Amino acid sequence: MRCPFCANEDTQVKDSRPTEDNSAIRRRRSCSGCGARFTTFERVQLRELTVLKTSGKKVPFERIKLCLLYTSDAADE
């Protein structure tokens, strides 16, 4: 993590805890270069899964299709 005061790349986490609503992690950091302390918040960033078809087309991933594939294979045995 880059220090916002001196742009030093070497910082250390001094304390880490979840926010009140558990939607992020609050980290207290200290810069080894200038000694400044600052807080960062880390949040989960969800990405949409896509499937690349043989034609080159990208389509959204659908979990139900995967489940149906396995349930139909089990029925064939």
PDB file of N, CA and C in Angstrom:
ATOM      1  N   MET A   1       0.849  -1.174   0.000  1.00  0.00           N
ATOM      2  CA  MET A   1       0.000   0.000   0.000  1.00  0.00           C
ATOM      3  C   MET A   1       0.891   1.233   0.000  1.00  0.00           C
ATOM      4  N   ARG A   2       0.609   2.164  -0.851  1.00  0.00           N
ATOM      5  CA  ARG A   2       1.395   3.398  -0.959  1.00  0.00           C
ATOM      6  C   ARG A   2       0.937   4.406   0.092  1.00  0.00           C
ATOM      7  N   CYS A   3       1.895   5.023   0.752  1.00  0.00           N
ATOM      8  CA  CYS A   3       1.614   6.057   1.749  1.00  0.00           C
ATOM      9  C   CYS A   3       1.037   7.290   1.040  1.00  0.00           C
ATOM     10  N   PRO A   4      -0.099   7.823   1.501  1.00  0.00           N
ATOM     11  CA  PRO A   4      -0.678   9.003   0.859  1.00  0.00           C
ATOM     12  C   PRO A   4       0.089  10.291   1.143  1.00  0.00           C
ATOM     13  N   PHE A   5       1.023  10.250   2.095  1.00  0.00           N
ATOM     14  CA  PHE A   5       1.763  11.447   2.463  1.00  0.00           C
ATOM     15  C   PHE A   5       3.101  11.573   1.729  1.00  0.00           C
ATOM     16  N   CYS A   6       3.850  10.448   1.638  1.00  0.00           N
ATOM     17  CA  CYS A   6       5.175  10.518   1.016  1.00  0.00           C
ATOM     18  C   CYS A   6       5.321   9.574  -0.182  1.00  0.00           C
ATOM     19  N   ALA A   7       4.278   8.812  -0.522  1.00  0.00           N
ATOM     20  CA  ALA A   7       4.250   7.877  -1.656  1.00  0.00           C
ATOM     21  C   ALA A   7       5.205   6.689  -1.494  1.00  0.00           C
ATOM     22  N   ASN A   8       5.662   6.452  -0.281  1.00  0.00           N
ATOM     23  CA  ASN A   8       6.517   5.293  -0.012  1.00  0.00           C
ATOM     24  C   ASN A   8       5.679   4.020  -0.138  1.00  0.00           C
ATOM     25  N   GLU A   9       6.230   2.993  -0.774  1.00  0.00           N
ATOM     26  CA  GLU A   9       5.508   1.730  -0.974  1.00  0.00           C
ATOM     27  C   GLU A   9       5.562   0.816   0.247  1.00  0.00           C
ATOM     28  N   ASP A  10       6.452   1.084   1.192  1.00  0.00           N
ATOM     29  CA  ASP A  10       6.653   0.205   2.335  1.00  0.00           C
ATOM     30  C   ASP A  10       5.822   0.679   3.532  1.00  0.00           C
ATOM     31  N   THR A  11       4.647   0.070   3.720  1.00  0.00           N
ATOM     32  CA  THR A  11       3.807   0.391   4.871  1.00  0.00           C
ATOM     33  C   THR A  11       3.481  -0.897   5.610  1.00  0.00           C
ATOM     34  N   GLN A  12       3.153  -0.755   6.889  1.00  0.00           N
ATOM     35  CA  GLN A  12       2.839  -1.916   7.715  1.00  0.00           C
ATOM     36  C   GLN A  12       1.444  -1.780   8.297  1.00  0.00           C
ATOM     37  N   VAL A  13       0.726  -2.901   8.376  1.00  0.00           N
ATOM     38  CA  VAL A  13      -0.593  -2.928   9.005  1.00  0.00           C
ATOM     39  C   VAL A  13      -0.398  -3.035  10.508  1.00  0.00           C
ATOM     40  N   LYS A  14      -0.949  -2.091  11.261  1.00  0.00           N
ATOM     41  CA  LYS A  14      -0.835  -2.085  12.717  1.00  0.00           C
ATOM     42  C   LYS A  14      -2.071  -2.673  13.384  1.00  0.00           C
ATOM     43  N   ASP A  15      -3.242  -2.505  12.761  1.00  0.00           N
ATOM     44  CA  ASP A  15      -4.484  -3.016  13.331  1.00  0.00           C
ATOM     45  C   ASP A  15      -5.447  -3.316  12.189  1.00  0.00           C
ATOM     46  N   SER A  16      -6.209  -4.386  12.323  1.00  0.00           N
ATOM     47  CA  SER A  16      -7.147  -4.784  11.289  1.00  0.00           C
ATOM     48  C   SER A  16      -8.420  -5.282  11.950  1.00  0.00           C
ATOM     49  N   ARG A  17      -9.571  -4.735  11.517  1.00  0.00           N
ATOM     50  CA  ARG A  17     -10.846  -5.180  12.076  1.00  0.00           C
ATOM     51  C   ARG A  17     -11.976  -4.916  11.093  1.00  0.00           C
ATOM     52  N   PRO A  18     -13.059  -5.673  11.181  1.00  0.00           N
ATOM     53  CA  PRO A  18     -14.195  -5.441  10.282  1.00  0.00           C
ATOM     54  C   PRO A  18     -14.936  -4.160  10.669  1.00  0.00           C
ATOM     55  N   THR A  19     -15.599  -3.555   9.703  1.00  0.00           N
ATOM     56  CA  THR A  19     -16.421  -2.383   9.993  1.00  0.00           C
ATOM     57  C   THR A  19     -17.659  -2.827  10.759  1.00  0.00           C
ATOM     58  N   GLU A  20     -18.436  -1.873  11.258  1.00  0.00           N
ATOM     59  CA  GLU A  20     -19.611  -2.201  12.071  1.00  0.00           C
ATOM     60  C   GLU A  20     -20.614  -3.071  11.318  1.00  0.00           C
ATOM     61  N   ASP A  21     -20.789  -2.813  10.020  1.00  0.00           N
ATOM     62  CA  ASP A  21     -21.773  -3.582   9.253  1.00  0.00           C
ATOM     63  C   ASP A  21     -21.153  -4.782   8.527  1.00  0.00           C
ATOM     64  N   ASN A  22     -19.882  -5.071   8.802  1.00  0.00           N
ATOM     65  CA  ASN A  22     -19.154  -6.198   8.199  1.00  0.00           C
ATOM     66  C   ASN A  22     -19.076  -6.151   6.679  1.00  0.00           C
ATOM     67  N   SER A  23     -19.178  -4.973   6.098  1.00  0.00           N
ATOM     68  CA  SER A  23     -19.110  -4.857   4.647  1.00  0.00           C
ATOM     69  C   SER A  23     -17.692  -4.568   4.154  1.00  0.00           C
ATOM     70  N   ALA A  24     -16.772  -4.277   5.076  1.00  0.00           N
ATOM     71  CA  ALA A  24     -15.392  -3.953   4.696  1.00  0.00           C
ATOM     72  C   ALA A  24     -14.463  -4.273   5.863  1.00  0.00           C
ATOM     73  N   ILE A  25     -13.168  -4.205   5.580  1.00  0.00           N
ATOM     74  CA  ILE A  25     -12.155  -4.380   6.624  1.00  0.00           C
ATOM     75  C   ILE A  25     -11.413  -3.057   6.764  1.00  0.00           C
ATOM     76  N   ARG A  26     -11.341  -2.570   7.984  1.00  0.00           N
ATOM     77  CA  ARG A  26     -10.648  -1.313   8.290  1.00  0.00           C
ATOM     78  C   ARG A  26      -9.248  -1.660   8.753  1.00  0.00           C
ATOM     79  N   ARG A  27      -8.251  -1.080   8.090  1.00  0.00           N
ATOM     80  CA  ARG A  27      -6.859  -1.345   8.463  1.00  0.00           C
ATOM     81  C   ARG A  27      -6.172  -0.030   8.829  1.00  0.00           C
ATOM     82  N   ARG A  28      -5.526  -0.036  10.000  1.00  0.00           N
ATOM     83  CA  ARG A  28      -4.677   1.087  10.415  1.00  0.00           C
ATOM     84  C   ARG A  28      -3.278   0.747   9.940  1.00  0.00           C
ATOM     85  N   ARG A  29      -2.672   1.659   9.204  1.00  0.00           N
ATOM     86  CA  ARG A  29      -1.345   1.426   8.631  1.00  0.00           C
ATOM     87  C   ARG A  29      -0.366   2.486   9.095  1.00  0.00           C
ATOM     88  N   SER A  30       0.920   2.119   9.035  1.00  0.00           N
ATOM     89  CA  SER A  30       1.993   3.032   9.404  1.00  0.00           C
ATOM     90  C   SER A  30       3.041   2.995   8.300  1.00  0.00           C
ATOM     91  N   CYS A  31       3.515   4.160   7.913  1.00  0.00           N
ATOM     92  CA  CYS A  31       4.532   4.266   6.878  1.00  0.00           C
ATOM     93  C   CYS A  31       5.913   4.186   7.519  1.00  0.00           C
ATOM     94  N   SER A  32       6.765   3.317   6.973  1.00  0.00           N
ATOM     95  CA  SER A  32       8.118   3.195   7.515  1.00  0.00           C
ATOM     96  C   SER A  32       9.015   4.332   7.036  1.00  0.00           C
ATOM     97  N   GLY A  33       8.595   5.041   5.983  1.00  0.00           N
ATOM     98  CA  GLY A  33       9.395   6.150   5.456  1.00  0.00           C
ATOM     99  C   GLY A  33       9.240   7.429   6.252  1.00  0.00           C
ATOM    100  N   CYS A  34       7.985   7.892   6.406  1.00  0.00           N
ATOM    101  CA  CYS A  34       7.760   9.177   7.082  1.00  0.00           C
ATOM    102  C   CYS A  34       7.130   9.012   8.466  1.00  0.00           C
ATOM    103  N   GLY A  35       6.689   7.788   8.809  1.00  0.00           N
ATOM    104  CA  GLY A  35       6.109   7.547  10.127  1.00  0.00           C
ATOM    105  C   GLY A  35       4.638   7.918  10.237  1.00  0.00           C
ATOM    106  N   ALA A  36       4.035   8.371   9.159  1.00  0.00           N
ATOM    107  CA  ALA A  36       2.627   8.771   9.201  1.00  0.00           C
ATOM    108  C   ALA A  36       1.735   7.544   9.388  1.00  0.00           C
ATOM    109  N   ARG A  37       0.583   7.774  10.011  1.00  0.00           N
ATOM    110  CA  ARG A  37      -0.405   6.714  10.182  1.00  0.00           C
ATOM    111  C   ARG A  37      -1.635   7.089   9.367  1.00  0.00           C
ATOM    112  N   PHE A  38      -2.236   6.085   8.745  1.00  0.00           N
ATOM    113  CA  PHE A  38      -3.437   6.326   7.951  1.00  0.00           C
ATOM    114  C   PHE A  38      -4.312   5.083   7.956  1.00  0.00           C
ATOM    115  N   THR A  39      -5.564   5.257   7.568  1.00  0.00           N
ATOM    116  CA  THR A  39      -6.539   4.176   7.579  1.00  0.00           C
ATOM    117  C   THR A  39      -6.943   3.831   6.156  1.00  0.00           C
ATOM    118  N   THR A  40      -7.071   2.531   5.875  1.00  0.00           N
ATOM    119  CA  THR A  40      -7.594   2.083   4.580  1.00  0.00           C
ATOM    120  C   THR A  40      -8.795   1.189   4.838  1.00  0.00           C
ATOM    121  N   PHE A  41      -9.698   1.137   3.862  1.00  0.00           N
ATOM    122  CA  PHE A  41     -10.861   0.264   3.913  1.00  0.00           C
ATOM    123  C   PHE A  41     -10.803  -0.654   2.712  1.00  0.00           C
ATOM    124  N   GLU A  42     -10.922  -1.942   2.951  1.00  0.00           N
ATOM    125  CA  GLU A  42     -10.894  -2.918   1.871  1.00  0.00           C
ATOM    126  C   GLU A  42     -12.268  -3.552   1.746  1.00  0.00           C
ATOM    127  N   ARG A  43     -12.810  -3.501   0.538  1.00  0.00           N
ATOM    128  CA  ARG A  43     -14.118  -4.074   0.274  1.00  0.00           C
ATOM    129  C   ARG A  43     -14.005  -5.149  -0.795  1.00  0.00           C
ATOM    130  N   VAL A  44     -14.871  -6.131  -0.733  1.00  0.00           N
ATOM    131  CA  VAL A  44     -14.908  -7.174  -1.744  1.00  0.00           C
ATOM    132  C   VAL A  44     -15.530  -6.601  -3.006  1.00  0.00           C
ATOM    133  N   GLN A  45     -14.888  -6.856  -4.121  1.00  0.00           N
ATOM    134  CA  GLN A  45     -15.415  -6.407  -5.395  1.00  0.00           C
ATOM    135  C   GLN A  45     -15.793  -7.655  -6.191  1.00  0.00           C
ATOM    136  N   LEU A  46     -17.095  -7.863  -6.338  1.00  0.00           N
ATOM    137  CA  LEU A  46     -17.580  -9.037  -7.048  1.00  0.00           C
ATOM    138  C   LEU A  46     -17.544  -8.794  -8.548  1.00  0.00           C
ATOM    139  N   ARG A  47     -17.095  -9.799  -9.269  1.00  0.00           N
ATOM    140  CA  ARG A  47     -17.047  -9.698 -10.720  1.00  0.00           C
ATOM    141  C   ARG A  47     -18.021 -10.698 -11.315  1.00  0.00           C
ATOM    142  N   GLU A  48     -18.647 -10.299 -12.393  1.00  0.00           N
ATOM    143  CA  GLU A  48     -19.563 -11.199 -13.072  1.00  0.00           C
ATOM    144  C   GLU A  48     -18.755 -12.210 -13.879  1.00  0.00           C
ATOM    145  N   LEU A  49     -19.074 -13.487 -13.723  1.00  0.00           N
ATOM    146  CA  LEU A  49     -18.384 -14.535 -14.466  1.00  0.00           C
ATOM    147  C   LEU A  49     -18.934 -14.617 -15.876  1.00  0.00           C
ATOM    148  N   THR A  50     -18.037 -14.800 -16.845  1.00  0.00           N
ATOM    149  CA  THR A  50     -18.465 -14.950 -18.231  1.00  0.00           C
ATOM    150  C   THR A  50     -17.881 -16.231 -18.803  1.00  0.00           C
ATOM    151  N   VAL A  51     -18.586 -16.767 -19.773  1.00  0.00           N
ATOM    152  CA  VAL A  51     -18.160 -17.984 -20.458  1.00  0.00           C
ATOM    153  C   VAL A  51     -17.796 -17.595 -21.883  1.00  0.00           C
ATOM    154  N   LEU A  52     -16.624 -18.048 -22.336  1.00  0.00           N
ATOM    155  CA  LEU A  52     -16.190 -17.786 -23.695  1.00  0.00           C
ATOM    156  C   LEU A  52     -16.557 -18.996 -24.545  1.00  0.00           C
ATOM    157  N   LYS A  53     -17.494 -18.789 -25.452  1.00  0.00           N
ATOM    158  CA  LYS A  53     -17.956 -19.876 -26.326  1.00  0.00           C
ATOM    159  C   LYS A  53     -16.928 -20.128 -27.424  1.00  0.00           C
ATOM    160  N   THR A  54     -17.020 -21.283 -28.091  1.00  0.00           N
ATOM    161  CA  THR A  54     -16.075 -21.615 -29.174  1.00  0.00           C
ATOM    162  C   THR A  54     -16.200 -20.648 -30.337  1.00  0.00           C
ATOM    163  N   SER A  55     -17.355 -20.012 -30.469  1.00  0.00           N
ATOM    164  CA  SER A  55     -17.549 -19.026 -31.539  1.00  0.00           C
ATOM    165  C   SER A  55     -16.867 -17.698 -31.223  1.00  0.00           C
ATOM    166  N   GLY A  56     -16.385 -17.557 -29.986  1.00  0.00           N
ATOM    167  CA  GLY A  56     -15.750 -16.311 -29.571  1.00  0.00           C
ATOM    168  C   GLY A  56     -16.695 -15.389 -28.823  1.00  0.00           C
ATOM    169  N   LYS A  57     -17.964 -15.756 -28.775  1.00  0.00           N
ATOM    170  CA  LYS A  57     -18.967 -14.933 -28.094  1.00  0.00           C
ATOM    171  C   LYS A  57     -18.845 -15.116 -26.586  1.00  0.00           C
ATOM    172  N   LYS A  58     -19.018 -14.048 -25.840  1.00  0.00           N
ATOM    173  CA  LYS A  58     -18.998 -14.101 -24.374  1.00  0.00           C
ATOM    174  C   LYS A  58     -20.431 -14.013 -23.867  1.00  0.00           C
ATOM    175  N   VAL A  59     -20.777 -14.947 -22.969  1.00  0.00           N
ATOM    176  CA  VAL A  59     -22.118 -14.963 -22.389  1.00  0.00           C
ATOM    177  C   VAL A  59     -21.989 -15.058 -20.867  1.00  0.00           C
ATOM    178  N   PRO A  60     -22.970 -14.517 -20.135  1.00  0.00           N
ATOM    179  CA  PRO A  60     -22.914 -14.612 -18.669  1.00  0.00           C
ATOM    180  C   PRO A  60     -22.988 -16.064 -18.210  1.00  0.00           C
ATOM    181  N   PHE A  61     -22.244 -16.391 -17.152  1.00  0.00           N
ATOM    182  CA  PHE A  61     -22.257 -17.732 -16.574  1.00  0.00           C
ATOM    183  C   PHE A  61     -23.599 -17.969 -15.904  1.00  0.00           C
ATOM    184  N   GLU A  62     -24.185 -19.148 -16.157  1.00  0.00           N
ATOM    185  CA  GLU A  62     -25.443 -19.522 -15.520  1.00  0.00           C
ATOM    186  C   GLU A  62     -25.231 -20.832 -14.767  1.00  0.00           C
ATOM    187  N   ARG A  63     -25.253 -20.747 -13.444  1.00  0.00           N
ATOM    188  CA  ARG A  63     -25.007 -21.900 -12.586  1.00  0.00           C
ATOM    189  C   ARG A  63     -26.034 -23.005 -12.824  1.00  0.00           C
ATOM    190  N   ILE A  64     -27.254 -22.636 -13.119  1.00  0.00           N
ATOM    191  CA  ILE A  64     -28.304 -23.630 -13.309  1.00  0.00           C
ATOM    192  C   ILE A  64     -27.978 -24.570 -14.469  1.00  0.00           C
ATOM    193  N   LYS A  65     -27.324 -24.059 -15.517  1.00  0.00           N
ATOM    194  CA  LYS A  65     -26.955 -24.909 -16.652  1.00  0.00           C
ATOM    195  C   LYS A  65     -25.960 -25.988 -16.217  1.00  0.00           C
ATOM    196  N   LEU A  66     -25.027 -25.621 -15.378  1.00  0.00           N
ATOM    197  CA  LEU A  66     -24.043 -26.576 -14.877  1.00  0.00           C
ATOM    198  C   LEU A  66     -24.725 -27.631 -14.009  1.00  0.00           C
ATOM    199  N   CYS A  67     -25.651 -27.200 -13.165  1.00  0.00           N
ATOM    200  CA  CYS A  67     -26.385 -28.143 -12.310  1.00  0.00           C
ATOM    201  C   CYS A  67     -27.214 -29.099 -13.153  1.00  0.00           C
ATOM    202  N   LEU A  68     -27.867 -28.591 -14.183  1.00  0.00           N
ATOM    203  CA  LEU A  68     -28.678 -29.442 -15.052  1.00  0.00           C
ATOM    204  C   LEU A  68     -27.817 -30.464 -15.787  1.00  0.00           C
ATOM    205  N   LEU A  69     -26.619 -30.079 -16.185  1.00  0.00           N
ATOM    206  CA  LEU A  69     -25.716 -30.987 -16.868  1.00  0.00           C
ATOM    207  C   LEU A  69     -25.369 -32.179 -15.974  1.00  0.00           C
ATOM    208  N   TYR A  70     -25.044 -31.900 -14.706  1.00  0.00           N
ATOM    209  CA  TYR A  70     -24.677 -32.987 -13.803  1.00  0.00           C
ATOM    210  C   TYR A  70     -25.872 -33.831 -13.399  1.00  0.00           C
ATOM    211  N   THR A  71     -27.040 -33.234 -13.258  1.00  0.00           N
ATOM    212  CA  THR A  71     -28.211 -34.025 -12.879  1.00  0.00           C
ATOM    213  C   THR A  71     -28.654 -34.908 -14.043  1.00  0.00           C
ATOM    214  N   SER A  72     -28.503 -34.462 -15.285  1.00  0.00           N
ATOM    215  CA  SER A  72     -28.887 -35.291 -16.424  1.00  0.00           C
ATOM    216  C   SER A  72     -27.875 -36.422 -16.625  1.00  0.00           C
ATOM    217  N   ASP A  73     -26.588 -36.189 -16.332  1.00  0.00           N
ATOM    218  CA  ASP A  73     -25.577 -37.259 -16.411  1.00  0.00           C
ATOM    219  C   ASP A  73     -25.847 -38.345 -15.371  1.00  0.00           C
ATOM    220  N   ALA A  74     -26.271 -37.951 -14.181  1.00  0.00           N
ATOM    221  CA  ALA A  74     -26.557 -38.900 -13.121  1.00  0.00           C
ATOM    222  C   ALA A  74     -27.779 -39.751 -13.478  1.00  0.00           C
ATOM    223  N   ALA A  75     -28.741 -39.139 -14.173  1.00  0.00           N
ATOM    224  CA  ALA A  75     -29.948 -39.857 -14.554  1.00  0.00           C
ATOM    225  C   ALA A  75     -29.648 -40.877 -15.647  1.00  0.00           C
ATOM    226  N   ASP A  76     -28.630 -40.616 -16.477  1.00  0.00           N
ATOM    227  CA  ASP A  76     -28.288 -41.525 -17.576  1.00  0.00           C
ATOM    228  C   ASP A  76     -27.609 -42.800 -17.073  1.00  0.00           C
ATOM    229  N   GLU A  77     -26.999 -42.767 -15.893  1.00  0.00           N
ATOM    230  CA  GLU A  77     -26.255 -43.936 -15.383  1.00  0.00           C
ATOM    231  C   GLU A  77     -27.146 -44.972 -14.780  1.00  0.00           C
TER     232      GLU A  77
END
